[in-house]
Structures are given as C-alpha cells and as structure tokens.
Amino acid sequence: MSEKIVELSGIGAVMLRRSLRARRIRILVCDPNTVRVTVPYGESFSRAKGFVELKKGWIAKQLSRLRHTRVLDSEDVLDEKSARKRLLNRLDALSSLHGLAYHRAFVRNQKSLWASCSGKNNISLNIRLSLLPEKLVDYVILHELVHTRIKNHGLRFWKMLEAISKDAKVLDQGLRCFRLS
C-alpha cells in the first residue's frame, strides 16, 4: 500500500492511500484533524487530489460538524454500576410501555455503536448512553426496540419508530452532536 500526504488550503493535510480492494475513490473524515482518501489501483493520486478539490465544501462541512460534536469517553461515566442499572431499567420500561419485547440485554463499553439489536433480539446498550440527555437515551433504546420487529432501516422501520417517538428524525440528528471516542 502506498501513501501520500497533500496539503489543501482550507482543509489541511489529506492522506491519500492506495488500496487493492477499493473500487472507487472514497473520502473519510475521521475526526477534526484527519481526512483520509482511499485510492484504487489504476487511479492516479493527482486524479484523487482533483476529486478531493471537488468535494472540498463537503469535507469542510464534515470537519466543522466534527469540531462541534462532544466526544464521550467511557472514563466520563462516574458510577458504572448505577449507569448500567438505569439503562436496563429504562429499556424494561420502554419495552413494556410499547409492547416491544427483546430476548436479553447487555450494557457494554462499545467503541463505535450507541446500541445494537441482534438477529435473536438481544439488545446491547453502550455504557456511554448514560452521558446523553434523557430524550436521546430514550430515542436510542426505542430505535433498538423497533429493530426487534423490523431488522432494517427501511420505510416501515421509520414509520413505526415515528409512531412511537414523534420527533425521531430530529432526535436522530441531535444524536450526531455527540460521538464516541
């Protein structure tokens, strides 16, 4: 794999990295200081740089969004035992209230997901959910409970979620103000 770092005005350092598996040029804005571009073999770095120039506005928007998000670290959770209990109690309450049953529940320190629902309807909640505002915690839990019925993010899923949580789309956007470290 070959790499090249280029400086772009208004963006800063951009890492261009060649990949055997890539089929197209792909831009990834990882954090406020890191922009990576995957370049397939057969494409030149200069063409990739041109593509990045075309997408400069989008990249700047992503960098700005990341600069204004709050990073939540597991070390911020002061009382892990009570946080776990609170999350599991809220899961039980929302499950009962909306008639959405799950099989088992876990509270974990996940690196990249707020929560997940397995094919067997096991729900995993991230311990860092306890650091979010209550409305967002409820939204994430309801999102996963709806997955116990509908396993994708299609139209039926969003209709069901919005029937339960009227401002689901707004809360989904609000969740983007926070990110996991």
N, C-alpha and C. Protein backbone atom coordinates (compact mmCIF):
# COMPACT_ATOMS: atom_id res chain seq x y z
N MET A 1 0.84 -1.17 0.00
CA MET A 1 0.00 0.00 0.00
C MET A 1 0.89 1.24 0.00
N SER A 2 0.67 2.15 -0.95
CA SER A 2 1.45 3.38 -0.96
C SER A 2 0.60 4.54 -0.47
N GLU A 3 1.27 5.51 0.13
CA GLU A 3 0.58 6.65 0.72
C GLU A 3 1.25 7.95 0.29
N LYS A 4 0.43 9.01 0.32
CA LYS A 4 0.94 10.33 0.01
C LYS A 4 0.11 11.33 0.80
N ILE A 5 0.77 12.31 1.40
CA ILE A 5 0.05 13.35 2.13
C ILE A 5 0.14 14.63 1.34
N VAL A 6 -1.02 15.25 1.10
CA VAL A 6 -1.07 16.52 0.38
C VAL A 6 -1.73 17.57 1.28
N GLU A 7 -1.29 18.81 1.13
CA GLU A 7 -1.87 19.93 1.88
C GLU A 7 -2.87 20.64 0.98
N LEU A 8 -4.07 20.84 1.48
CA LEU A 8 -5.09 21.57 0.73
C LEU A 8 -5.54 22.77 1.53
N SER A 9 -5.58 23.93 0.88
CA SER A 9 -5.97 25.14 1.60
C SER A 9 -7.41 25.02 2.11
N GLY A 10 -7.61 25.45 3.34
CA GLY A 10 -8.93 25.39 3.94
C GLY A 10 -9.25 24.05 4.58
N ILE A 11 -8.45 23.03 4.28
CA ILE A 11 -8.70 21.69 4.83
C ILE A 11 -7.51 21.22 5.65
N GLY A 12 -6.33 21.41 5.14
CA GLY A 12 -5.12 20.96 5.83
C GLY A 12 -4.58 19.70 5.18
N ALA A 13 -3.96 18.85 5.99
CA ALA A 13 -3.34 17.63 5.48
C ALA A 13 -4.39 16.59 5.12
N VAL A 14 -4.21 16.00 3.94
CA VAL A 14 -5.10 14.94 3.47
C VAL A 14 -4.22 13.74 3.12
N MET A 15 -4.53 12.58 3.71
CA MET A 15 -3.75 11.39 3.42
C MET A 15 -4.40 10.62 2.27
N LEU A 16 -3.65 10.42 1.20
CA LEU A 16 -4.10 9.60 0.08
C LEU A 16 -3.47 8.23 0.25
N ARG A 17 -4.28 7.20 0.23
CA ARG A 17 -3.78 5.85 0.46
C ARG A 17 -4.31 4.92 -0.63
N ARG A 18 -3.40 4.22 -1.28
CA ARG A 18 -3.78 3.27 -2.32
C ARG A 18 -4.27 1.96 -1.70
N SER A 19 -5.30 1.37 -2.31
CA SER A 19 -5.85 0.12 -1.79
C SER A 19 -6.16 -0.84 -2.93
N LEU A 20 -5.78 -2.10 -2.73
CA LEU A 20 -6.08 -3.13 -3.73
C LEU A 20 -7.57 -3.44 -3.78
N ARG A 21 -8.24 -3.31 -2.64
CA ARG A 21 -9.66 -3.68 -2.58
C ARG A 21 -10.61 -2.58 -3.02
N ALA A 22 -10.15 -1.34 -3.01
CA ALA A 22 -11.04 -0.22 -3.34
C ALA A 22 -11.44 -0.25 -4.81
N ARG A 23 -12.69 0.10 -5.05
CA ARG A 23 -13.19 0.16 -6.43
C ARG A 23 -13.41 1.58 -6.90
N ARG A 24 -13.48 2.50 -5.93
CA ARG A 24 -13.67 3.91 -6.27
C ARG A 24 -12.96 4.77 -5.23
N ILE A 25 -12.76 6.02 -5.57
CA ILE A 25 -12.14 6.96 -4.64
C ILE A 25 -13.13 7.22 -3.51
N ARG A 26 -12.64 7.14 -2.29
CA ARG A 26 -13.51 7.29 -1.11
C ARG A 26 -12.87 8.26 -0.12
N ILE A 27 -13.67 9.21 0.35
CA ILE A 27 -13.19 10.19 1.33
C ILE A 27 -13.76 9.83 2.70
N LEU A 28 -12.89 9.81 3.70
CA LEU A 28 -13.32 9.52 5.07
C LEU A 28 -12.80 10.63 5.98
N VAL A 29 -13.73 11.33 6.62
CA VAL A 29 -13.36 12.37 7.59
C VAL A 29 -13.50 11.71 8.96
N CYS A 30 -12.36 11.34 9.54
CA CYS A 30 -12.34 10.55 10.77
C CYS A 30 -12.57 11.38 12.02
N ASP A 31 -11.89 12.49 12.11
CA ASP A 31 -12.00 13.38 13.25
C ASP A 31 -11.65 14.77 12.77
N PRO A 32 -11.71 15.79 13.62
CA PRO A 32 -11.47 17.15 13.14
C PRO A 32 -10.09 17.40 12.54
N ASN A 33 -9.17 16.47 12.70
CA ASN A 33 -7.82 16.66 12.18
C ASN A 33 -7.40 15.63 11.13
N THR A 34 -8.29 14.73 10.75
CA THR A 34 -7.89 13.64 9.87
C THR A 34 -8.85 13.46 8.70
N VAL A 35 -8.29 13.61 7.49
CA VAL A 35 -9.04 13.31 6.27
C VAL A 35 -8.24 12.26 5.52
N ARG A 36 -8.88 11.11 5.27
CA ARG A 36 -8.22 10.03 4.53
C ARG A 36 -8.96 9.81 3.22
N VAL A 37 -8.19 9.56 2.18
CA VAL A 37 -8.77 9.28 0.87
C VAL A 37 -8.23 7.94 0.40
N THR A 38 -9.13 7.01 0.13
CA THR A 38 -8.74 5.70 -0.38
C THR A 38 -8.76 5.79 -1.90
N VAL A 39 -7.65 5.36 -2.50
CA VAL A 39 -7.49 5.45 -3.95
C VAL A 39 -7.30 4.05 -4.52
N PRO A 40 -8.18 3.62 -5.44
CA PRO A 40 -7.99 2.29 -6.02
C PRO A 40 -6.77 2.24 -6.94
N TYR A 41 -6.17 1.06 -7.04
CA TYR A 41 -5.09 0.91 -8.01
C TYR A 41 -5.67 1.18 -9.39
N GLY A 42 -4.91 1.82 -10.22
CA GLY A 42 -5.42 2.20 -11.54
C GLY A 42 -5.83 3.67 -11.58
N GLU A 43 -6.01 4.27 -10.42
CA GLU A 43 -6.31 5.71 -10.34
C GLU A 43 -5.05 6.42 -9.87
N SER A 44 -4.81 7.59 -10.42
CA SER A 44 -3.62 8.35 -10.02
C SER A 44 -3.91 9.19 -8.78
N PHE A 45 -2.86 9.49 -8.04
CA PHE A 45 -3.01 10.37 -6.88
C PHE A 45 -3.48 11.75 -7.32
N SER A 46 -3.04 12.20 -8.50
CA SER A 46 -3.45 13.54 -8.96
C SER A 46 -4.95 13.57 -9.26
N ARG A 47 -5.49 12.48 -9.79
CA ARG A 47 -6.94 12.42 -10.02
C ARG A 47 -7.70 12.40 -8.68
N ALA A 48 -7.15 11.67 -7.72
CA ALA A 48 -7.76 11.63 -6.38
C ALA A 48 -7.73 13.01 -5.75
N LYS A 49 -6.60 13.72 -5.92
CA LYS A 49 -6.49 15.08 -5.38
C LYS A 49 -7.53 16.00 -6.04
N GLY A 50 -7.73 15.83 -7.33
CA GLY A 50 -8.76 16.61 -8.04
C GLY A 50 -10.15 16.32 -7.50
N PHE A 51 -10.41 15.05 -7.20
CA PHE A 51 -11.70 14.65 -6.63
C PHE A 51 -11.90 15.31 -5.27
N VAL A 52 -10.85 15.31 -4.46
CA VAL A 52 -10.91 15.94 -3.14
C VAL A 52 -11.17 17.44 -3.28
N GLU A 53 -10.54 18.08 -4.27
CA GLU A 53 -10.78 19.51 -4.53
C GLU A 53 -12.25 19.75 -4.85
N LEU A 54 -12.85 18.86 -5.64
CA LEU A 54 -14.27 18.99 -5.98
C LEU A 54 -15.16 18.86 -4.74
N LYS A 55 -14.74 18.04 -3.81
CA LYS A 55 -15.53 17.76 -2.61
C LYS A 55 -15.11 18.60 -1.41
N LYS A 56 -14.34 19.64 -1.65
CA LYS A 56 -13.82 20.49 -0.58
C LYS A 56 -14.92 21.04 0.33
N GLY A 57 -16.01 21.48 -0.26
CA GLY A 57 -17.14 22.02 0.51
C GLY A 57 -17.72 20.99 1.45
N TRP A 58 -17.92 19.78 0.93
CA TRP A 58 -18.47 18.69 1.75
C TRP A 58 -17.50 18.35 2.89
N ILE A 59 -16.21 18.28 2.57
CA ILE A 59 -15.20 17.96 3.58
C ILE A 59 -15.18 19.03 4.67
N ALA A 60 -15.22 20.30 4.27
CA ALA A 60 -15.22 21.40 5.24
C ALA A 60 -16.44 21.30 6.15
N LYS A 61 -17.58 20.94 5.59
CA LYS A 61 -18.81 20.80 6.38
C LYS A 61 -18.66 19.67 7.40
N GLN A 62 -18.08 18.54 6.98
CA GLN A 62 -17.88 17.41 7.89
C GLN A 62 -16.90 17.76 9.00
N LEU A 63 -15.82 18.45 8.64
CA LEU A 63 -14.83 18.86 9.64
C LEU A 63 -15.46 19.81 10.66
N SER A 64 -16.27 20.74 10.18
CA SER A 64 -16.94 21.68 11.07
C SER A 64 -17.89 20.95 12.02
N ARG A 65 -18.65 20.02 11.47
CA ARG A 65 -19.59 19.24 12.28
C ARG A 65 -18.84 18.48 13.38
N LEU A 66 -17.71 17.88 13.02
CA LEU A 66 -16.93 17.12 14.00
C LEU A 66 -16.31 18.02 15.07
N ARG A 67 -15.96 19.24 14.68
CA ARG A 67 -15.40 20.18 15.67
C ARG A 67 -16.44 20.59 16.70
N HIS A 68 -17.71 20.52 16.31
CA HIS A 68 -18.79 20.96 17.20
C HIS A 68 -19.51 19.79 17.88
N THR A 69 -18.95 18.61 17.79
CA THR A 69 -19.54 17.47 18.48
C THR A 69 -18.81 17.25 19.80
N ARG A 70 -19.51 16.70 20.72
CA ARG A 70 -18.91 16.41 22.02
C ARG A 70 -18.49 14.95 22.04
N VAL A 71 -17.24 14.69 22.36
CA VAL A 71 -16.73 13.33 22.44
C VAL A 71 -17.03 12.78 23.83
N LEU A 72 -17.67 11.62 23.86
CA LEU A 72 -17.99 10.98 25.14
C LEU A 72 -17.04 9.80 25.36
N ASP A 73 -16.35 9.83 26.45
CA ASP A 73 -15.39 8.78 26.78
C ASP A 73 -15.95 7.95 27.93
N SER A 74 -15.62 6.66 27.93
CA SER A 74 -16.12 5.79 29.00
C SER A 74 -15.62 6.23 30.37
N GLU A 75 -14.50 6.95 30.42
CA GLU A 75 -13.99 7.44 31.70
C GLU A 75 -14.89 8.53 32.29
N ASP A 76 -15.77 9.12 31.44
CA ASP A 76 -16.71 10.14 31.92
C ASP A 76 -17.83 9.53 32.75
N VAL A 77 -18.05 8.22 32.61
CA VAL A 77 -19.09 7.54 33.38
C VAL A 77 -18.56 7.33 34.80
N LEU A 78 -19.12 8.09 35.74
CA LEU A 78 -18.59 8.06 37.10
C LEU A 78 -19.01 6.82 37.88
N ASP A 79 -20.29 6.49 37.83
CA ASP A 79 -20.80 5.35 38.58
C ASP A 79 -21.35 4.32 37.59
N GLU A 80 -20.46 3.44 37.16
CA GLU A 80 -20.82 2.47 36.12
C GLU A 80 -21.97 1.56 36.55
N LYS A 81 -21.96 1.13 37.79
CA LYS A 81 -22.99 0.22 38.28
C LYS A 81 -24.38 0.86 38.21
N SER A 82 -24.48 2.10 38.67
CA SER A 82 -25.79 2.76 38.64
C SER A 82 -26.19 3.13 37.20
N ALA A 83 -25.20 3.44 36.35
CA ALA A 83 -25.49 3.75 34.95
C ALA A 83 -26.07 2.51 34.25
N ARG A 84 -25.48 1.35 34.48
CA ARG A 84 -25.99 0.10 33.91
C ARG A 84 -27.42 -0.16 34.36
N LYS A 85 -27.64 -0.01 35.65
CA LYS A 85 -28.96 -0.27 36.22
C LYS A 85 -30.00 0.69 35.61
N ARG A 86 -29.64 1.97 35.52
CA ARG A 86 -30.55 2.97 34.96
C ARG A 86 -30.90 2.66 33.50
N LEU A 87 -29.90 2.28 32.71
CA LEU A 87 -30.14 1.97 31.29
C LEU A 87 -31.04 0.74 31.15
N LEU A 88 -30.75 -0.30 31.92
CA LEU A 88 -31.56 -1.53 31.83
C LEU A 88 -32.99 -1.30 32.33
N ASN A 89 -33.14 -0.49 33.37
CA ASN A 89 -34.49 -0.16 33.86
C ASN A 89 -35.27 0.61 32.80
N ARG A 90 -34.59 1.53 32.13
CA ARG A 90 -35.27 2.32 31.09
C ARG A 90 -35.64 1.43 29.91
N LEU A 91 -34.77 0.50 29.54
CA LEU A 91 -35.06 -0.46 28.48
C LEU A 91 -36.31 -1.27 28.84
N ASP A 92 -36.37 -1.78 30.05
CA ASP A 92 -37.54 -2.54 30.50
C ASP A 92 -38.81 -1.70 30.45
N ALA A 93 -38.72 -0.47 30.93
CA ALA A 93 -39.90 0.41 30.97
C ALA A 93 -40.42 0.70 29.56
N LEU A 94 -39.52 1.04 28.64
CA LEU A 94 -39.94 1.36 27.27
C LEU A 94 -40.43 0.12 26.54
N SER A 95 -39.81 -1.01 26.81
CA SER A 95 -40.24 -2.28 26.21
C SER A 95 -41.68 -2.60 26.62
N SER A 96 -41.96 -2.49 27.91
CA SER A 96 -43.31 -2.77 28.42
C SER A 96 -44.33 -1.76 27.90
N LEU A 97 -43.96 -0.49 27.93
CA LEU A 97 -44.86 0.58 27.51
C LEU A 97 -45.31 0.43 26.06
N HIS A 98 -44.40 0.00 25.19
CA HIS A 98 -44.70 -0.07 23.76
C HIS A 98 -44.93 -1.49 23.25
N GLY A 99 -44.88 -2.46 24.13
CA GLY A 99 -45.13 -3.84 23.73
C GLY A 99 -44.09 -4.39 22.76
N LEU A 100 -42.85 -3.98 22.95
CA LEU A 100 -41.76 -4.44 22.09
C LEU A 100 -40.80 -5.28 22.94
N ALA A 101 -40.91 -6.58 22.80
CA ALA A 101 -40.13 -7.50 23.63
C ALA A 101 -38.75 -7.75 23.03
N TYR A 102 -37.78 -7.93 23.90
CA TYR A 102 -36.43 -8.31 23.49
C TYR A 102 -36.07 -9.58 24.24
N HIS A 103 -35.03 -10.27 23.79
CA HIS A 103 -34.64 -11.53 24.43
C HIS A 103 -33.76 -11.28 25.65
N ARG A 104 -32.57 -10.71 25.42
CA ARG A 104 -31.64 -10.42 26.51
C ARG A 104 -31.08 -9.02 26.32
N ALA A 105 -30.55 -8.45 27.38
CA ALA A 105 -29.97 -7.11 27.30
C ALA A 105 -28.58 -7.09 27.94
N PHE A 106 -27.72 -6.30 27.33
CA PHE A 106 -26.34 -6.15 27.81
C PHE A 106 -25.99 -4.67 27.82
N VAL A 107 -25.17 -4.27 28.75
CA VAL A 107 -24.60 -2.92 28.73
C VAL A 107 -23.10 -3.11 28.60
N ARG A 108 -22.55 -2.53 27.53
CA ARG A 108 -21.13 -2.73 27.22
C ARG A 108 -20.45 -1.39 26.98
N ASN A 109 -19.16 -1.42 26.94
CA ASN A 109 -18.38 -0.24 26.57
C ASN A 109 -17.98 -0.43 25.11
N GLN A 110 -18.86 -0.06 24.21
CA GLN A 110 -18.62 -0.24 22.78
C GLN A 110 -17.89 0.98 22.23
N LYS A 111 -17.03 0.75 21.25
CA LYS A 111 -16.22 1.84 20.71
C LYS A 111 -16.92 2.66 19.64
N SER A 112 -17.82 2.04 18.88
CA SER A 112 -18.37 2.77 17.75
C SER A 112 -19.89 2.79 17.64
N LEU A 113 -20.59 2.04 18.48
CA LEU A 113 -22.05 2.00 18.39
C LEU A 113 -22.69 2.46 19.70
N TRP A 114 -23.79 3.19 19.56
CA TRP A 114 -24.56 3.57 20.74
C TRP A 114 -25.30 2.36 21.28
N ALA A 115 -25.78 1.54 20.36
CA ALA A 115 -26.55 0.35 20.75
C ALA A 115 -26.69 -0.54 19.53
N SER A 116 -27.13 -1.77 19.76
CA SER A 116 -27.39 -2.68 18.64
C SER A 116 -28.43 -3.71 19.05
N CYS A 117 -29.05 -4.30 18.03
CA CYS A 117 -30.04 -5.36 18.25
C CYS A 117 -29.65 -6.53 17.36
N SER A 118 -29.43 -7.69 17.94
CA SER A 118 -29.01 -8.86 17.17
C SER A 118 -30.20 -9.52 16.49
N GLY A 119 -29.92 -10.46 15.64
CA GLY A 119 -30.97 -11.23 14.98
C GLY A 119 -31.82 -12.02 15.96
N LYS A 120 -31.26 -12.30 17.13
CA LYS A 120 -32.00 -13.02 18.17
C LYS A 120 -32.69 -12.07 19.15
N ASN A 121 -32.75 -10.79 18.78
CA ASN A 121 -33.38 -9.74 19.59
C ASN A 121 -32.68 -9.49 20.93
N ASN A 122 -31.37 -9.73 20.94
CA ASN A 122 -30.57 -9.33 22.10
C ASN A 122 -30.17 -7.87 21.89
N ILE A 123 -30.35 -7.05 22.89
CA ILE A 123 -30.03 -5.63 22.76
C ILE A 123 -28.79 -5.32 23.58
N SER A 124 -27.83 -4.67 22.93
CA SER A 124 -26.62 -4.19 23.60
C SER A 124 -26.68 -2.68 23.65
N LEU A 125 -26.52 -2.14 24.84
CA LEU A 125 -26.51 -0.69 25.03
C LEU A 125 -25.10 -0.26 25.43
N ASN A 126 -24.66 0.86 24.90
CA ASN A 126 -23.35 1.39 25.25
C ASN A 126 -23.44 2.10 26.60
N ILE A 127 -22.50 1.84 27.48
CA ILE A 127 -22.48 2.46 28.81
C ILE A 127 -22.49 3.99 28.69
N ARG A 128 -21.91 4.51 27.60
CA ARG A 128 -21.83 5.96 27.43
C ARG A 128 -23.17 6.61 27.08
N LEU A 129 -24.18 5.78 26.80
CA LEU A 129 -25.53 6.32 26.63
C LEU A 129 -25.95 7.09 27.87
N SER A 130 -25.46 6.65 29.02
CA SER A 130 -25.84 7.28 30.29
C SER A 130 -25.37 8.73 30.38
N LEU A 131 -24.48 9.14 29.48
CA LEU A 131 -23.99 10.52 29.47
C LEU A 131 -24.83 11.44 28.59
N LEU A 132 -25.75 10.85 27.82
CA LEU A 132 -26.59 11.62 26.90
C LEU A 132 -27.81 12.18 27.63
N PRO A 133 -28.42 13.23 27.04
CA PRO A 133 -29.69 13.71 27.59
C PRO A 133 -30.74 12.59 27.53
N GLU A 134 -31.67 12.60 28.48
CA GLU A 134 -32.66 11.52 28.61
C GLU A 134 -33.46 11.27 27.33
N LYS A 135 -33.81 12.35 26.62
CA LYS A 135 -34.58 12.19 25.37
C LYS A 135 -33.81 11.36 24.34
N LEU A 136 -32.49 11.59 24.28
CA LEU A 136 -31.67 10.84 23.33
C LEU A 136 -31.49 9.39 23.77
N VAL A 137 -31.38 9.17 25.07
CA VAL A 137 -31.29 7.80 25.59
C VAL A 137 -32.55 7.03 25.19
N ASP A 138 -33.70 7.64 25.43
CA ASP A 138 -34.97 7.00 25.07
C ASP A 138 -35.05 6.74 23.57
N TYR A 139 -34.59 7.71 22.77
CA TYR A 139 -34.62 7.53 21.32
C TYR A 139 -33.77 6.32 20.90
N VAL A 140 -32.56 6.22 21.41
CA VAL A 140 -31.67 5.11 21.05
C VAL A 140 -32.29 3.78 21.46
N ILE A 141 -32.84 3.72 22.66
CA ILE A 141 -33.46 2.48 23.15
C ILE A 141 -34.67 2.12 22.29
N LEU A 142 -35.51 3.10 21.99
CA LEU A 142 -36.68 2.84 21.14
C LEU A 142 -36.26 2.38 19.74
N HIS A 143 -35.21 2.99 19.22
CA HIS A 143 -34.67 2.61 17.91
C HIS A 143 -34.33 1.11 17.90
N GLU A 144 -33.64 0.67 18.95
CA GLU A 144 -33.27 -0.75 19.02
C GLU A 144 -34.48 -1.64 19.28
N LEU A 145 -35.42 -1.19 20.07
CA LEU A 145 -36.64 -1.98 20.30
C LEU A 145 -37.44 -2.16 19.02
N VAL A 146 -37.48 -1.15 18.18
CA VAL A 146 -38.17 -1.29 16.88
C VAL A 146 -37.45 -2.32 16.02
N HIS A 147 -36.13 -2.41 16.17
CA HIS A 147 -35.37 -3.43 15.43
C HIS A 147 -35.75 -4.85 15.84
N THR A 148 -36.38 -5.03 16.99
CA THR A 148 -36.84 -6.37 17.36
C THR A 148 -37.96 -6.82 16.44
N ARG A 149 -38.63 -5.88 15.81
CA ARG A 149 -39.70 -6.19 14.85
C ARG A 149 -39.25 -6.04 13.40
N ILE A 150 -38.49 -5.00 13.12
CA ILE A 150 -38.07 -4.70 11.75
C ILE A 150 -36.55 -4.57 11.75
N LYS A 151 -35.89 -5.47 11.02
CA LYS A 151 -34.43 -5.60 11.10
C LYS A 151 -33.64 -4.67 10.18
N ASN A 152 -34.31 -3.73 9.53
CA ASN A 152 -33.59 -2.82 8.64
C ASN A 152 -34.03 -1.39 8.90
N HIS A 153 -33.50 -0.45 8.13
CA HIS A 153 -33.86 0.95 8.28
C HIS A 153 -34.74 1.43 7.13
N GLY A 154 -35.59 0.56 6.65
CA GLY A 154 -36.49 0.91 5.55
C GLY A 154 -37.64 1.81 6.01
N LEU A 155 -38.53 2.09 5.09
CA LEU A 155 -39.67 2.98 5.35
C LEU A 155 -40.54 2.47 6.49
N ARG A 156 -40.81 1.16 6.53
CA ARG A 156 -41.62 0.58 7.61
C ARG A 156 -41.00 0.83 8.98
N PHE A 157 -39.68 0.68 9.04
CA PHE A 157 -38.95 0.91 10.30
C PHE A 157 -39.18 2.34 10.78
N TRP A 158 -38.94 3.33 9.89
CA TRP A 158 -39.06 4.73 10.29
C TRP A 158 -40.50 5.10 10.63
N LYS A 159 -41.46 4.53 9.91
CA LYS A 159 -42.87 4.80 10.23
C LYS A 159 -43.22 4.29 11.62
N MET A 160 -42.75 3.09 11.94
CA MET A 160 -43.03 2.52 13.26
C MET A 160 -42.34 3.33 14.36
N LEU A 161 -41.08 3.70 14.12
CA LEU A 161 -40.34 4.47 15.11
C LEU A 161 -40.99 5.84 15.33
N GLU A 162 -41.41 6.48 14.24
CA GLU A 162 -42.04 7.80 14.37
C GLU A 162 -43.42 7.72 15.01
N ALA A 163 -44.08 6.57 14.89
CA ALA A 163 -45.37 6.39 15.57
C ALA A 163 -45.17 6.33 17.09
N ILE A 164 -44.03 5.82 17.50
CA ILE A 164 -43.71 5.71 18.93
C ILE A 164 -43.04 6.98 19.45
N SER A 165 -42.12 7.50 18.66
CA SER A 165 -41.35 8.69 19.03
C SER A 165 -41.56 9.73 17.94
N LYS A 166 -42.48 10.66 18.16
CA LYS A 166 -42.90 11.62 17.13
C LYS A 166 -41.74 12.40 16.51
N ASP A 167 -40.74 12.73 17.30
CA ASP A 167 -39.63 13.52 16.78
C ASP A 167 -38.37 12.68 16.55
N ALA A 168 -38.56 11.46 16.07
CA ALA A 168 -37.44 10.52 15.86
C ALA A 168 -36.37 11.09 14.94
N LYS A 169 -36.77 11.68 13.82
CA LYS A 169 -35.78 12.21 12.86
C LYS A 169 -34.97 13.35 13.49
N VAL A 170 -35.63 14.20 14.25
CA VAL A 170 -34.95 15.32 14.92
C VAL A 170 -33.97 14.77 15.96
N LEU A 171 -34.41 13.78 16.72
CA LEU A 171 -33.54 13.18 17.74
C LEU A 171 -32.36 12.46 17.09
N ASP A 172 -32.60 11.83 15.93
CA ASP A 172 -31.52 11.17 15.21
C ASP A 172 -30.44 12.19 14.84
N GLN A 173 -30.88 13.36 14.39
CA GLN A 173 -29.93 14.44 14.07
C GLN A 173 -29.23 14.93 15.34
N GLY A 174 -29.99 15.04 16.43
CA GLY A 174 -29.42 15.50 17.70
C GLY A 174 -28.34 14.57 18.22
N LEU A 175 -28.49 13.30 17.95
CA LEU A 175 -27.51 12.31 18.38
C LEU A 175 -26.16 12.55 17.71
N ARG A 176 -26.19 13.16 16.54
CA ARG A 176 -24.95 13.42 15.80
C ARG A 176 -24.09 14.51 16.44
N CYS A 177 -24.64 15.20 17.43
CA CYS A 177 -23.86 16.21 18.16
C CYS A 177 -22.93 15.56 19.17
N PHE A 178 -23.08 14.27 19.36
CA PHE A 178 -22.24 13.51 20.29
C PHE A 178 -21.56 12.40 19.51
N ARG A 179 -20.34 12.10 19.90
CA ARG A 179 -19.68 10.96 19.25
C ARG A 179 -18.86 10.19 20.26
N LEU A 180 -18.63 8.95 19.93
CA LEU A 180 -17.84 8.08 20.79
C LEU A 180 -16.37 8.26 20.46
N SER A 181 -15.52 8.17 21.47
CA SER A 181 -14.09 8.36 21.24
C SER A 181 -13.49 7.15 20.56
